[in-house]
Amino acid sequence: METEQLGKRVAEHQTDNFRRRRTAIGCLVVAAIGLGAGVPLSIAYFTASWEPTSADPRFWSGGLIGLGVLSLIVGVLLLAKAVRTKGEGFEVYEQGIVYHIADTVSVIR
């Protein structure tokens, strides 16, 4: 379908992939810190004998590992989406929307 059939173009919106990449890199940095600190702490604390109390330092290492794994997953997903959607944008027309991604164009009426 030609874009002339959709009427006059009202607006154009480019996807903010820079923000996605910046957030992904931030998540990967948090993952590196969390896993880098959590794994050695886990090894050190699980080899020692501790009483089961709320002040047990093993809780900190588990929290750091959990934060690291979660941040790693989110960072990888956001980075993959930023790479996959390079050049993504929307054009709003009077009678529809045109979606651009790479060389693919989709018309939404």
C-alpha atoms as a PDB file:
ATOM      1  CA  MET A   1       0.000   0.000   0.000  1.00  0.00           C
ATOM      2  CA  GLU A   2       1.282   3.430  -0.862  1.00  0.00           C
ATOM      3  CA  THR A   3       1.590   6.025   1.860  1.00  0.00           C
ATOM      4  CA  GLU A   4      -0.300   8.525  -0.328  1.00  0.00           C
ATOM      5  CA  GLN A   5      -3.487   6.531   0.360  1.00  0.00           C
ATOM      6  CA  LEU A   6      -3.098   7.201   4.083  1.00  0.00           C
ATOM      7  CA  GLY A   7      -3.438  10.950   3.701  1.00  0.00           C
ATOM      8  CA  LYS A   8      -1.179  13.674   5.024  1.00  0.00           C
ATOM      9  CA  ARG A   9       1.662  12.795   7.397  1.00  0.00           C
ATOM     10  CA  VAL A  10       0.922  14.154  10.848  1.00  0.00           C
ATOM     11  CA  ALA A  11       4.046  13.175  12.828  1.00  0.00           C
ATOM     12  CA  GLU A  12       7.156  11.026  12.860  1.00  0.00           C
ATOM     13  CA  HIS A  13       8.535   9.209  15.915  1.00  0.00           C
ATOM     14  CA  GLN A  14      11.943   7.535  16.080  1.00  0.00           C
ATOM     15  CA  THR A  15      12.523   4.857  18.701  1.00  0.00           C
ATOM     16  CA  ASP A  16      15.036   5.829  21.381  1.00  0.00           C
ATOM     17  CA  ASN A  17      17.563   2.994  20.981  1.00  0.00           C
ATOM     18  CA  PHE A  18      20.266   5.068  22.689  1.00  0.00           C
ATOM     19  CA  ARG A  19      18.271   4.900  25.929  1.00  0.00           C
ATOM     20  CA  ARG A  20      17.889   1.123  25.527  1.00  0.00           C
ATOM     21  CA  ARG A  21      21.620   0.669  25.000  1.00  0.00           C
ATOM     22  CA  ARG A  22      22.456   2.923  27.959  1.00  0.00           C
ATOM     23  CA  THR A  23      20.062   1.014  30.245  1.00  0.00           C
ATOM     24  CA  ALA A  24      21.403  -2.332  29.001  1.00  0.00           C
ATOM     25  CA  ILE A  25      24.996  -1.311  29.710  1.00  0.00           C
ATOM     26  CA  GLY A  26      23.989  -0.088  33.172  1.00  0.00           C
ATOM     27  CA  CYS A  27      22.314  -3.422  33.908  1.00  0.00           C
ATOM     28  CA  LEU A  28      25.367  -5.334  32.700  1.00  0.00           C
ATOM     29  CA  VAL A  29      27.620  -3.237  34.965  1.00  0.00           C
ATOM     30  CA  VAL A  30      25.357  -3.954  37.949  1.00  0.00           C
ATOM     31  CA  ALA A  31      25.397  -7.650  36.985  1.00  0.00           C
ATOM     32  CA  ALA A  32      29.197  -7.699  36.877  1.00  0.00           C
ATOM     33  CA  ILE A  33      29.439  -6.017  40.281  1.00  0.00           C
ATOM     34  CA  GLY A  34      26.738  -8.212  41.850  1.00  0.00           C
ATOM     35  CA  LEU A  35      28.115 -11.468  40.517  1.00  0.00           C
ATOM     36  CA  GLY A  36      31.721 -10.394  41.012  1.00  0.00           C
ATOM     37  CA  ALA A  37      31.082  -9.689  44.686  1.00  0.00           C
ATOM     38  CA  GLY A  38      28.390 -12.296  45.362  1.00  0.00           C
ATOM     39  CA  VAL A  39      30.168 -15.408  44.100  1.00  0.00           C
ATOM     40  CA  PRO A  40      33.372 -14.930  46.141  1.00  0.00           C
ATOM     41  CA  LEU A  41      31.314 -14.006  49.209  1.00  0.00           C
ATOM     42  CA  SER A  42      29.237 -17.146  48.762  1.00  0.00           C
ATOM     43  CA  ILE A  43      32.321 -19.302  48.474  1.00  0.00           C
ATOM     44  CA  ALA A  44      33.897 -17.692  51.536  1.00  0.00           C
ATOM     45  CA  TYR A  45      30.783 -17.741  53.704  1.00  0.00           C
ATOM     46  CA  PHE A  46      29.539 -21.202  52.805  1.00  0.00           C
ATOM     47  CA  THR A  47      32.891 -22.730  53.686  1.00  0.00           C
ATOM     48  CA  ALA A  48      32.708 -21.168  57.181  1.00  0.00           C
ATOM     49  CA  SER A  49      30.444 -22.296  59.998  1.00  0.00           C
ATOM     50  CA  TRP A  50      27.688 -19.795  60.896  1.00  0.00           C
ATOM     51  CA  GLU A  51      24.775 -19.860  63.275  1.00  0.00           C
ATOM     52  CA  PRO A  52      21.347 -19.464  61.602  1.00  0.00           C
ATOM     53  CA  THR A  53      20.505 -15.854  62.501  1.00  0.00           C
ATOM     54  CA  SER A  54      19.224 -12.869  60.592  1.00  0.00           C
ATOM     55  CA  ALA A  55      22.739 -11.370  60.702  1.00  0.00           C
ATOM     56  CA  ASP A  56      24.111 -14.311  58.735  1.00  0.00           C
ATOM     57  CA  PRO A  57      26.330 -12.851  55.986  1.00  0.00           C
ATOM     58  CA  ARG A  58      25.203 -15.539  53.546  1.00  0.00           C
ATOM     59  CA  PHE A  59      22.025 -13.540  53.003  1.00  0.00           C
ATOM     60  CA  TRP A  60      24.098 -10.705  51.522  1.00  0.00           C
ATOM     61  CA  SER A  61      25.880 -12.986  49.105  1.00  0.00           C
ATOM     62  CA  GLY A  62      22.613 -14.540  47.951  1.00  0.00           C
ATOM     63  CA  GLY A  63      21.094 -11.098  47.429  1.00  0.00           C
ATOM     64  CA  LEU A  64      24.094  -9.964  45.415  1.00  0.00           C
ATOM     65  CA  ILE A  65      23.956 -13.081  43.244  1.00  0.00           C
ATOM     66  CA  GLY A  66      20.204 -12.663  42.724  1.00  0.00           C
ATOM     67  CA  LEU A  67      20.647  -9.001  41.780  1.00  0.00           C
ATOM     68  CA  GLY A  68      23.505  -9.922  39.445  1.00  0.00           C
ATOM     69  CA  VAL A  69      21.568 -12.664  37.656  1.00  0.00           C
ATOM     70  CA  LEU A  70      18.460 -10.496  37.289  1.00  0.00           C
ATOM     71  CA  SER A  71      20.501  -7.568  35.972  1.00  0.00           C
ATOM     72  CA  LEU A  72      22.336  -9.866  33.558  1.00  0.00           C
ATOM     73  CA  ILE A  73      19.073 -11.175  32.099  1.00  0.00           C
ATOM     74  CA  VAL A  74      17.530  -7.709  31.735  1.00  0.00           C
ATOM     75  CA  GLY A  75      20.742  -6.256  30.280  1.00  0.00           C
ATOM     76  CA  VAL A  76      21.123  -8.983  27.662  1.00  0.00           C
ATOM     77  CA  LEU A  77      17.460  -8.703  26.631  1.00  0.00           C
ATOM     78  CA  LEU A  78      17.603  -4.907  26.296  1.00  0.00           C
ATOM     79  CA  LEU A  79      20.870  -5.018  24.375  1.00  0.00           C
ATOM     80  CA  ALA A  80      19.461  -7.630  21.990  1.00  0.00           C
ATOM     81  CA  LYS A  81      16.348  -5.504  21.426  1.00  0.00           C
ATOM     82  CA  ALA A  82      18.429  -2.373  20.790  1.00  0.00           C
ATOM     83  CA  VAL A  83      20.500  -4.203  18.175  1.00  0.00           C
ATOM     84  CA  ARG A  84      17.478  -5.894  16.593  1.00  0.00           C
ATOM     85  CA  THR A  85      15.426  -2.684  16.282  1.00  0.00           C
ATOM     86  CA  LYS A  86      18.095  -0.419  14.825  1.00  0.00           C
ATOM     87  CA  GLY A  87      16.462   2.190  12.605  1.00  0.00           C
ATOM     88  CA  GLU A  88      12.995   1.653  14.077  1.00  0.00           C
ATOM     89  CA  GLY A  89      10.427   4.415  13.732  1.00  0.00           C
ATOM     90  CA  PHE A  90       6.779   5.272  13.255  1.00  0.00           C
ATOM     91  CA  GLU A  91       5.125   7.704  10.864  1.00  0.00           C
ATOM     92  CA  VAL A  92       1.631   8.816  11.805  1.00  0.00           C
ATOM     93  CA  TYR A  93      -0.709   9.655   8.935  1.00  0.00           C
ATOM     94  CA  GLU A  94      -4.299  10.896   8.960  1.00  0.00           C
ATOM     95  CA  GLN A  95      -5.652   7.414   8.180  1.00  0.00           C
ATOM     96  CA  GLY A  96      -3.011   5.072   9.554  1.00  0.00           C
ATOM     97  CA  ILE A  97       0.473   4.404  10.848  1.00  0.00           C
ATOM     98  CA  VAL A  98       3.589   3.256   8.983  1.00  0.00           C
ATOM     99  CA  TYR A  99       6.100   1.217  10.986  1.00  0.00           C
ATOM    100  CA  HIS A 100       9.728   1.199   9.769  1.00  0.00           C
ATOM    101  CA  ILE A 101      12.383  -1.219  10.971  1.00  0.00           C
ATOM    102  CA  ALA A 102      15.582  -1.698   8.960  1.00  0.00           C
ATOM    103  CA  ASP A 103      14.331  -2.270   5.382  1.00  0.00           C
ATOM    104  CA  THR A 104      10.876  -3.532   6.389  1.00  0.00           C
ATOM    105  CA  VAL A 105       7.812  -1.309   6.216  1.00  0.00           C
ATOM    106  CA  SER A 106       4.432  -2.230   7.716  1.00  0.00           C
ATOM    107  CA  VAL A 107       1.226  -0.249   7.302  1.00  0.00           C
ATOM    108  CA  ILE A 108      -1.307  -0.204  10.123  1.00  0.00           C
ATOM    109  CA  ARG A 109      -4.757   1.178   9.304  1.00  0.00           C
END
